[in-house]
Amino acid sequence: MSAADEHPSTGHELPSVDVVEALGAGIAAAGVALLPARVFAALLATEDGRLTSAELVDLLEVSPAAVSGAVKYLGQVRMIRRERERGSRRDVYVVRDDAWHDVLMQKDQIYAPMLTALVAARHSVGDTTRAGERIQLSVEFLEFIQAEMDAIAERWERYKKERSDRASRP
């Protein structure tokens, strides 16, 4: 199937394979596993942000099982959600418009397990040892990041409102 063709069974226009692959590679370079990065890129680059599993299989030339694992991961980290396709029994995967915000604001899920492990490790090696002091610095850094994330979220919401206001002006 060539870039930007309609998928035969759904009529969705699919994004350019070149765009998907370049974007997916960039996301993967930042640490996301390659297939979830490619699936996320495909959804992000699709006009309505919605694709079925069959469309992802065709576009990415991977197995249904591979797509299943990728969308499961992306759903767990709240980058996409699964819905029922209108008038059908098929699932459709939908990218969240503000996916990066949603992922990065999951402070408790991201930092709590690390902080718990760091505090336990600090106690195990001794609070006053050089290792304990180094671990404590990690604890303080993550606590600092958590506090800063709240301020960043507030600034982001203001930015989005100002962006929306500018876009709605004649």
N, C-alpha and C. Protein backbone atom coordinates (compact mmCIF):
# COMPACT_ATOMS: atom_id res chain seq x y z
N MET A 1 0.85 -1.18 0.00
CA MET A 1 0.00 0.00 0.00
C MET A 1 0.89 1.23 0.00
N SER A 2 0.66 2.15 -0.86
CA SER A 2 1.50 3.34 -0.93
C SER A 2 1.07 4.35 0.11
N ALA A 3 1.95 5.33 0.34
CA ALA A 3 1.71 6.34 1.35
C ALA A 3 0.41 7.08 1.07
N ALA A 4 -0.29 7.37 2.12
CA ALA A 4 -1.52 8.17 2.09
C ALA A 4 -2.64 7.52 1.29
N ASP A 5 -2.58 6.19 1.08
CA ASP A 5 -3.68 5.47 0.46
C ASP A 5 -4.76 5.25 1.50
N GLU A 6 -5.97 5.01 1.00
CA GLU A 6 -7.04 4.62 1.90
C GLU A 6 -6.93 3.14 2.17
N HIS A 7 -7.18 2.77 3.42
CA HIS A 7 -7.20 1.36 3.76
C HIS A 7 -8.45 0.74 3.17
N PRO A 8 -8.34 -0.39 2.47
CA PRO A 8 -9.48 -0.94 1.74
C PRO A 8 -10.68 -1.29 2.61
N SER A 9 -10.47 -1.75 3.84
CA SER A 9 -11.62 -2.20 4.64
C SER A 9 -12.25 -1.09 5.46
N THR A 10 -11.54 0.01 5.71
CA THR A 10 -12.09 1.06 6.57
C THR A 10 -12.26 2.40 5.89
N GLY A 11 -11.53 2.62 4.80
CA GLY A 11 -11.62 3.91 4.12
C GLY A 11 -10.81 5.01 4.77
N HIS A 12 -10.12 4.70 5.87
CA HIS A 12 -9.24 5.71 6.48
C HIS A 12 -8.08 6.02 5.55
N GLU A 13 -7.70 7.26 5.51
CA GLU A 13 -6.48 7.60 4.79
C GLU A 13 -5.32 7.36 5.74
N LEU A 14 -4.36 6.56 5.31
CA LEU A 14 -3.21 6.24 6.14
C LEU A 14 -2.11 7.26 5.92
N PRO A 15 -1.31 7.51 6.95
CA PRO A 15 -0.22 8.47 6.81
C PRO A 15 0.90 7.92 5.94
N SER A 16 1.79 8.78 5.54
CA SER A 16 2.96 8.39 4.76
C SER A 16 3.84 7.47 5.59
N VAL A 17 4.25 6.36 4.99
CA VAL A 17 5.15 5.42 5.66
C VAL A 17 6.45 6.13 6.03
N ASP A 18 6.95 6.98 5.15
CA ASP A 18 8.20 7.70 5.43
C ASP A 18 8.07 8.57 6.68
N VAL A 19 6.94 9.26 6.81
CA VAL A 19 6.72 10.11 7.99
C VAL A 19 6.65 9.24 9.24
N VAL A 20 5.90 8.16 9.16
CA VAL A 20 5.74 7.26 10.31
C VAL A 20 7.09 6.69 10.74
N GLU A 21 7.88 6.23 9.78
CA GLU A 21 9.16 5.62 10.12
C GLU A 21 10.14 6.64 10.70
N ALA A 22 10.19 7.83 10.13
CA ALA A 22 11.10 8.86 10.66
C ALA A 22 10.68 9.30 12.05
N LEU A 23 9.39 9.53 12.23
CA LEU A 23 8.89 9.94 13.54
C LEU A 23 9.07 8.81 14.56
N GLY A 24 8.76 7.60 14.16
CA GLY A 24 8.93 6.45 15.06
C GLY A 24 10.38 6.27 15.48
N ALA A 25 11.30 6.46 14.53
CA ALA A 25 12.73 6.34 14.86
C ALA A 25 13.15 7.41 15.85
N GLY A 26 12.63 8.62 15.69
CA GLY A 26 12.96 9.70 16.63
C GLY A 26 12.45 9.41 18.03
N ILE A 27 11.24 8.88 18.11
CA ILE A 27 10.66 8.54 19.42
C ILE A 27 11.42 7.37 20.03
N ALA A 28 11.79 6.39 19.21
CA ALA A 28 12.55 5.24 19.71
C ALA A 28 13.93 5.69 20.20
N ALA A 29 14.53 6.66 19.53
CA ALA A 29 15.85 7.15 19.94
C ALA A 29 15.80 7.78 21.33
N ALA A 30 14.60 8.23 21.73
CA ALA A 30 14.44 8.82 23.05
C ALA A 30 14.17 7.77 24.12
N GLY A 31 14.10 6.47 23.73
CA GLY A 31 13.98 5.42 24.72
C GLY A 31 12.72 4.59 24.68
N VAL A 32 11.77 4.94 23.82
CA VAL A 32 10.57 4.12 23.68
C VAL A 32 10.92 2.94 22.78
N ALA A 33 10.44 1.75 23.12
CA ALA A 33 10.69 0.57 22.29
C ALA A 33 10.22 0.86 20.87
N LEU A 34 10.91 0.28 19.88
CA LEU A 34 10.69 0.64 18.48
C LEU A 34 9.26 0.41 18.00
N LEU A 35 8.66 -0.73 18.25
CA LEU A 35 7.32 -0.95 17.70
C LEU A 35 6.28 -0.04 18.36
N PRO A 36 6.25 0.10 19.68
CA PRO A 36 5.33 1.09 20.24
C PRO A 36 5.58 2.50 19.70
N ALA A 37 6.84 2.84 19.47
CA ALA A 37 7.16 4.15 18.91
C ALA A 37 6.57 4.29 17.51
N ARG A 38 6.66 3.26 16.71
CA ARG A 38 6.12 3.29 15.34
C ARG A 38 4.59 3.36 15.37
N VAL A 39 3.96 2.59 16.25
CA VAL A 39 2.50 2.63 16.36
C VAL A 39 2.06 4.02 16.80
N PHE A 40 2.71 4.57 17.80
CA PHE A 40 2.37 5.91 18.27
C PHE A 40 2.56 6.93 17.14
N ALA A 41 3.65 6.81 16.41
CA ALA A 41 3.91 7.72 15.29
C ALA A 41 2.81 7.61 14.24
N ALA A 42 2.39 6.40 13.94
CA ALA A 42 1.33 6.21 12.94
C ALA A 42 0.03 6.89 13.38
N LEU A 43 -0.32 6.71 14.63
CA LEU A 43 -1.53 7.34 15.14
C LEU A 43 -1.41 8.86 15.17
N LEU A 44 -0.25 9.33 15.58
CA LEU A 44 -0.02 10.77 15.66
C LEU A 44 -0.09 11.42 14.28
N ALA A 45 0.39 10.72 13.26
CA ALA A 45 0.45 11.29 11.91
C ALA A 45 -0.81 11.04 11.09
N THR A 46 -1.78 10.33 11.66
CA THR A 46 -3.05 10.08 10.97
C THR A 46 -3.98 11.26 11.24
N GLU A 47 -4.65 11.74 10.22
CA GLU A 47 -5.46 12.95 10.35
C GLU A 47 -6.43 12.90 11.53
N ASP A 48 -7.16 11.81 11.69
CA ASP A 48 -8.12 11.76 12.80
C ASP A 48 -7.56 11.07 14.04
N GLY A 49 -6.28 10.66 13.99
CA GLY A 49 -5.64 10.04 15.15
C GLY A 49 -6.22 8.69 15.52
N ARG A 50 -6.86 8.02 14.58
CA ARG A 50 -7.55 6.76 14.85
C ARG A 50 -7.16 5.72 13.80
N LEU A 51 -6.77 4.54 14.25
CA LEU A 51 -6.50 3.42 13.33
C LEU A 51 -6.92 2.12 13.99
N THR A 52 -7.35 1.19 13.16
CA THR A 52 -7.67 -0.15 13.66
C THR A 52 -6.38 -0.97 13.70
N SER A 53 -6.47 -2.10 14.33
CA SER A 53 -5.33 -3.02 14.37
C SER A 53 -4.95 -3.44 12.95
N ALA A 54 -5.95 -3.74 12.11
CA ALA A 54 -5.68 -4.16 10.73
C ALA A 54 -4.95 -3.05 9.96
N GLU A 55 -5.33 -1.82 10.18
CA GLU A 55 -4.65 -0.71 9.50
C GLU A 55 -3.20 -0.59 9.98
N LEU A 56 -2.99 -0.76 11.27
CA LEU A 56 -1.62 -0.70 11.80
C LEU A 56 -0.78 -1.85 11.25
N VAL A 57 -1.37 -3.04 11.19
CA VAL A 57 -0.66 -4.20 10.64
C VAL A 57 -0.23 -3.91 9.21
N ASP A 58 -1.15 -3.41 8.40
CA ASP A 58 -0.85 -3.13 6.99
C ASP A 58 0.17 -2.01 6.84
N LEU A 59 -0.02 -0.95 7.56
CA LEU A 59 0.87 0.21 7.44
C LEU A 59 2.29 -0.11 7.89
N LEU A 60 2.41 -0.79 9.03
CA LEU A 60 3.72 -1.04 9.62
C LEU A 60 4.34 -2.36 9.16
N GLU A 61 3.54 -3.18 8.45
CA GLU A 61 4.00 -4.48 7.97
C GLU A 61 4.54 -5.34 9.12
N VAL A 62 3.70 -5.49 10.14
CA VAL A 62 4.02 -6.31 11.30
C VAL A 62 2.83 -7.23 11.57
N SER A 63 3.01 -8.16 12.48
CA SER A 63 1.95 -9.13 12.79
C SER A 63 0.89 -8.51 13.70
N PRO A 64 -0.31 -9.07 13.68
CA PRO A 64 -1.34 -8.61 14.62
C PRO A 64 -0.88 -8.74 16.08
N ALA A 65 -0.13 -9.80 16.39
CA ALA A 65 0.36 -9.98 17.76
C ALA A 65 1.32 -8.86 18.15
N ALA A 66 2.14 -8.43 17.21
CA ALA A 66 3.07 -7.33 17.49
C ALA A 66 2.31 -6.04 17.76
N VAL A 67 1.29 -5.78 16.96
CA VAL A 67 0.46 -4.59 17.18
C VAL A 67 -0.23 -4.69 18.54
N SER A 68 -0.74 -5.86 18.86
CA SER A 68 -1.42 -6.06 20.14
C SER A 68 -0.52 -5.71 21.32
N GLY A 69 0.71 -6.18 21.28
CA GLY A 69 1.65 -5.86 22.36
C GLY A 69 1.98 -4.38 22.43
N ALA A 70 2.15 -3.76 21.27
CA ALA A 70 2.49 -2.34 21.23
C ALA A 70 1.35 -1.48 21.76
N VAL A 71 0.11 -1.77 21.33
CA VAL A 71 -1.01 -0.95 21.79
C VAL A 71 -1.31 -1.19 23.27
N LYS A 72 -1.03 -2.40 23.73
CA LYS A 72 -1.20 -2.67 25.16
C LYS A 72 -0.25 -1.78 25.97
N TYR A 73 1.01 -1.74 25.56
CA TYR A 73 1.98 -0.89 26.24
C TYR A 73 1.57 0.58 26.17
N LEU A 74 1.22 1.05 24.98
CA LEU A 74 0.86 2.46 24.81
C LEU A 74 -0.38 2.83 25.62
N GLY A 75 -1.30 1.90 25.76
CA GLY A 75 -2.48 2.14 26.59
C GLY A 75 -2.11 2.22 28.06
N GLN A 76 -1.19 1.35 28.49
CA GLN A 76 -0.78 1.35 29.90
C GLN A 76 -0.11 2.65 30.30
N VAL A 77 0.64 3.24 29.38
CA VAL A 77 1.32 4.50 29.70
C VAL A 77 0.49 5.72 29.31
N ARG A 78 -0.76 5.46 28.91
CA ARG A 78 -1.75 6.50 28.63
C ARG A 78 -1.41 7.38 27.43
N MET A 79 -0.75 6.82 26.44
CA MET A 79 -0.49 7.58 25.22
C MET A 79 -1.61 7.39 24.21
N ILE A 80 -2.31 6.26 24.31
CA ILE A 80 -3.45 6.01 23.42
C ILE A 80 -4.57 5.40 24.25
N ARG A 81 -5.74 5.33 23.63
CA ARG A 81 -6.87 4.63 24.26
C ARG A 81 -7.54 3.76 23.21
N ARG A 82 -8.24 2.76 23.67
CA ARG A 82 -8.96 1.85 22.77
C ARG A 82 -10.44 2.20 22.84
N GLU A 83 -11.06 2.25 21.67
CA GLU A 83 -12.50 2.49 21.57
C GLU A 83 -13.09 1.48 20.59
N ARG A 84 -14.39 1.38 20.59
CA ARG A 84 -15.08 0.58 19.57
C ARG A 84 -15.27 1.46 18.35
N GLU A 85 -14.98 0.91 17.18
CA GLU A 85 -15.20 1.65 15.95
C GLU A 85 -16.70 1.86 15.77
N ARG A 86 -17.09 3.06 15.40
CA ARG A 86 -18.50 3.38 15.23
C ARG A 86 -19.16 2.40 14.26
N GLY A 87 -20.29 1.84 14.69
CA GLY A 87 -21.05 0.94 13.83
C GLY A 87 -20.38 -0.39 13.58
N SER A 88 -19.42 -0.77 14.41
CA SER A 88 -18.68 -2.00 14.18
C SER A 88 -18.35 -2.65 15.51
N ARG A 89 -17.89 -3.87 15.43
CA ARG A 89 -17.44 -4.56 16.64
C ARG A 89 -15.93 -4.52 16.76
N ARG A 90 -15.28 -3.81 15.81
CA ARG A 90 -13.81 -3.73 15.83
C ARG A 90 -13.34 -2.65 16.79
N ASP A 91 -12.17 -2.90 17.37
CA ASP A 91 -11.53 -1.89 18.19
C ASP A 91 -10.77 -0.93 17.31
N VAL A 92 -10.72 0.30 17.75
CA VAL A 92 -9.91 1.31 17.07
C VAL A 92 -9.03 1.94 18.15
N TYR A 93 -7.81 2.25 17.78
CA TYR A 93 -6.86 2.85 18.71
C TYR A 93 -6.77 4.33 18.40
N VAL A 94 -6.83 5.14 19.46
CA VAL A 94 -6.92 6.58 19.31
C VAL A 94 -5.79 7.23 20.10
N VAL A 95 -5.03 8.09 19.43
CA VAL A 95 -3.96 8.81 20.11
C VAL A 95 -4.59 9.94 20.93
N ARG A 96 -4.08 10.15 22.09
CA ARG A 96 -4.54 11.27 22.93
C ARG A 96 -3.91 12.55 22.39
N ASP A 97 -4.72 13.60 22.26
CA ASP A 97 -4.21 14.85 21.70
C ASP A 97 -3.02 15.39 22.49
N ASP A 98 -3.06 15.22 23.79
CA ASP A 98 -1.99 15.74 24.65
C ASP A 98 -1.26 14.57 25.31
N ALA A 99 -0.89 13.59 24.50
CA ALA A 99 -0.32 12.35 25.01
C ALA A 99 0.96 12.57 25.81
N TRP A 100 1.85 13.41 25.32
CA TRP A 100 3.11 13.63 26.04
C TRP A 100 2.86 14.20 27.43
N HIS A 101 1.93 15.13 27.52
CA HIS A 101 1.57 15.69 28.82
C HIS A 101 1.07 14.58 29.74
N ASP A 102 0.15 13.77 29.22
CA ASP A 102 -0.43 12.72 30.05
C ASP A 102 0.63 11.75 30.56
N VAL A 103 1.58 11.40 29.71
CA VAL A 103 2.64 10.47 30.10
C VAL A 103 3.54 11.10 31.17
N LEU A 104 3.98 12.30 30.91
CA LEU A 104 4.94 12.93 31.80
C LEU A 104 4.34 13.37 33.14
N MET A 105 3.04 13.52 33.19
CA MET A 105 2.40 13.94 34.43
C MET A 105 2.07 12.76 35.35
N GLN A 106 2.41 11.56 34.96
CA GLN A 106 2.16 10.39 35.79
C GLN A 106 3.25 10.26 36.85
N LYS A 107 3.40 11.29 37.64
CA LYS A 107 4.49 11.34 38.61
C LYS A 107 4.48 10.15 39.57
N ASP A 108 3.33 9.83 40.08
CA ASP A 108 3.27 8.75 41.07
C ASP A 108 3.70 7.42 40.48
N GLN A 109 3.24 7.12 39.28
CA GLN A 109 3.60 5.85 38.66
C GLN A 109 5.06 5.83 38.23
N ILE A 110 5.60 6.98 37.84
CA ILE A 110 6.97 7.03 37.36
C ILE A 110 7.96 7.08 38.52
N TYR A 111 7.74 7.98 39.46
CA TYR A 111 8.75 8.25 40.47
C TYR A 111 8.58 7.46 41.77
N ALA A 112 7.36 7.12 42.15
CA ALA A 112 7.15 6.45 43.44
C ALA A 112 7.94 5.14 43.57
N PRO A 113 7.91 4.25 42.56
CA PRO A 113 8.68 3.01 42.72
C PRO A 113 10.19 3.27 42.82
N MET A 114 10.68 4.25 42.05
CA MET A 114 12.11 4.55 42.13
C MET A 114 12.46 5.13 43.49
N LEU A 115 11.63 6.03 43.99
CA LEU A 115 11.90 6.64 45.29
C LEU A 115 11.87 5.59 46.40
N THR A 116 10.92 4.70 46.36
CA THR A 116 10.85 3.63 47.37
C THR A 116 12.12 2.79 47.34
N ALA A 117 12.55 2.41 46.15
CA ALA A 117 13.77 1.60 46.01
C ALA A 117 15.00 2.37 46.47
N LEU A 118 15.06 3.65 46.11
CA LEU A 118 16.22 4.46 46.51
C LEU A 118 16.30 4.62 48.03
N VAL A 119 15.18 4.88 48.67
CA VAL A 119 15.18 5.05 50.13
C VAL A 119 15.59 3.74 50.81
N ALA A 120 15.07 2.62 50.33
CA ALA A 120 15.45 1.31 50.90
C ALA A 120 16.94 1.06 50.69
N ALA A 121 17.45 1.38 49.51
CA ALA A 121 18.87 1.19 49.22
C ALA A 121 19.73 2.08 50.11
N ARG A 122 19.30 3.31 50.30
CA ARG A 122 20.05 4.23 51.16
C ARG A 122 20.15 3.67 52.57
N HIS A 123 19.06 3.16 53.09
CA HIS A 123 19.09 2.58 54.44
C HIS A 123 19.97 1.34 54.48
N SER A 124 19.96 0.55 53.42
CA SER A 124 20.77 -0.67 53.37
C SER A 124 22.26 -0.37 53.35
N VAL A 125 22.67 0.63 52.59
CA VAL A 125 24.10 0.94 52.49
C VAL A 125 24.56 1.85 53.61
N GLY A 126 23.60 2.44 54.31
CA GLY A 126 23.94 3.35 55.41
C GLY A 126 23.76 4.79 54.97
N ASP A 127 22.97 5.52 55.74
CA ASP A 127 22.65 6.90 55.39
C ASP A 127 23.88 7.81 55.34
N THR A 128 24.90 7.49 56.12
CA THR A 128 26.05 8.40 56.20
C THR A 128 27.24 7.94 55.37
N THR A 129 27.08 6.84 54.65
CA THR A 129 28.17 6.39 53.77
C THR A 129 28.18 7.24 52.51
N ARG A 130 29.27 7.15 51.75
CA ARG A 130 29.35 7.89 50.48
C ARG A 130 28.25 7.41 49.53
N ALA A 131 28.01 6.10 49.49
CA ALA A 131 26.94 5.56 48.65
C ALA A 131 25.58 6.08 49.13
N GLY A 132 25.37 6.10 50.42
CA GLY A 132 24.12 6.60 50.99
C GLY A 132 23.89 8.07 50.65
N GLU A 133 24.97 8.86 50.70
CA GLU A 133 24.85 10.28 50.35
C GLU A 133 24.53 10.45 48.86
N ARG A 134 25.15 9.63 48.02
CA ARG A 134 24.88 9.68 46.57
C ARG A 134 23.44 9.28 46.28
N ILE A 135 22.97 8.25 46.96
CA ILE A 135 21.58 7.81 46.79
C ILE A 135 20.63 8.90 47.30
N GLN A 136 20.96 9.53 48.41
CA GLN A 136 20.11 10.60 48.94
C GLN A 136 19.99 11.75 47.94
N LEU A 137 21.08 12.05 47.24
CA LEU A 137 21.03 13.09 46.22
C LEU A 137 20.04 12.70 45.11
N SER A 138 20.02 11.43 44.76
CA SER A 138 19.05 10.95 43.77
C SER A 138 17.62 11.11 44.29
N VAL A 139 17.41 10.79 45.56
CA VAL A 139 16.08 10.95 46.17
C VAL A 139 15.66 12.42 46.10
N GLU A 140 16.54 13.31 46.49
CA GLU A 140 16.22 14.73 46.49
C GLU A 140 15.97 15.25 45.07
N PHE A 141 16.73 14.75 44.10
CA PHE A 141 16.52 15.17 42.72
C PHE A 141 15.12 14.76 42.25
N LEU A 142 14.74 13.50 42.49
CA LEU A 142 13.42 13.04 42.05
C LEU A 142 12.30 13.77 42.78
N GLU A 143 12.48 14.07 44.04
CA GLU A 143 11.48 14.85 44.77
C GLU A 143 11.39 16.27 44.19
N PHE A 144 12.52 16.84 43.83
CA PHE A 144 12.55 18.16 43.19
C PHE A 144 11.80 18.11 41.85
N ILE A 145 12.07 17.10 41.05
CA ILE A 145 11.41 16.95 39.75
C ILE A 145 9.90 16.84 39.94
N GLN A 146 9.47 16.06 40.90
CA GLN A 146 8.03 15.91 41.15
C GLN A 146 7.39 17.26 41.46
N ALA A 147 8.02 18.04 42.29
CA ALA A 147 7.48 19.37 42.63
C ALA A 147 7.47 20.28 41.41
N GLU A 148 8.52 20.23 40.63
CA GLU A 148 8.60 21.08 39.43
C GLU A 148 7.57 20.69 38.39
N MET A 149 7.23 19.41 38.32
CA MET A 149 6.26 18.95 37.33
C MET A 149 4.90 19.62 37.53
N ASP A 150 4.51 19.87 38.78
CA ASP A 150 3.25 20.57 39.03
C ASP A 150 3.29 21.98 38.44
N ALA A 151 4.39 22.68 38.63
CA ALA A 151 4.53 24.03 38.08
C ALA A 151 4.55 23.99 36.56
N ILE A 152 5.22 23.00 35.99
CA ILE A 152 5.26 22.86 34.53
C ILE A 152 3.85 22.61 33.99
N ALA A 153 3.09 21.76 34.67
CA ALA A 153 1.73 21.45 34.23
C ALA A 153 0.87 22.72 34.22
N GLU A 154 1.00 23.54 35.24
CA GLU A 154 0.24 24.79 35.29
C GLU A 154 0.64 25.71 34.14
N ARG A 155 1.94 25.85 33.88
CA ARG A 155 2.39 26.70 32.77
C ARG A 155 1.90 26.14 31.44
N TRP A 156 1.91 24.83 31.28
CA TRP A 156 1.44 24.22 30.04
C TRP A 156 -0.04 24.51 29.82
N GLU A 157 -0.86 24.41 30.85
CA GLU A 157 -2.29 24.70 30.72
C GLU A 157 -2.50 26.17 30.31
N ARG A 158 -1.73 27.08 30.90
CA ARG A 158 -1.82 28.50 30.50
C ARG A 158 -1.42 28.66 29.04
N TYR A 159 -0.34 28.00 28.65
CA TYR A 159 0.14 28.08 27.27
C TYR A 159 -0.94 27.59 26.30
N LYS A 160 -1.55 26.43 26.60
CA LYS A 160 -2.58 25.89 25.71
C LYS A 160 -3.77 26.84 25.61
N LYS A 161 -4.15 27.47 26.72
CA LYS A 161 -5.27 28.41 26.69
C LYS A 161 -4.91 29.61 25.82
N GLU A 162 -3.70 30.16 26.00
CA GLU A 162 -3.27 31.30 25.18
C GLU A 162 -3.20 30.90 23.71
N ARG A 163 -2.72 29.71 23.43
CA ARG A 163 -2.64 29.20 22.05
C ARG A 163 -4.03 29.13 21.45
N SER A 164 -4.97 28.59 22.20
CA SER A 164 -6.35 28.48 21.75
C SER A 164 -6.97 29.85 21.51
N ASP A 165 -6.70 30.78 22.43
CA ASP A 165 -7.21 32.14 22.28
C ASP A 165 -6.67 32.80 21.02
N ARG A 166 -5.37 32.61 20.75
CA ARG A 166 -4.77 33.19 19.52
C ARG A 166 -5.39 32.58 18.27
N ALA A 167 -5.62 31.27 18.31
CA ALA A 167 -6.15 30.58 17.14
C ALA A 167 -7.60 30.99 16.86
N SER A 168 -8.34 31.38 17.90
CA SER A 168 -9.75 31.73 17.71
C SER A 168 -9.95 33.18 17.30
N ARG A 169 -8.90 33.97 17.33
CA ARG A 169 -9.01 35.37 16.91
C ARG A 169 -9.09 35.45 15.39
N PRO A 170 -9.92 36.41 14.90
CA PRO A 170 -10.02 36.56 13.42
C PRO A 170 -8.77 37.09 12.78
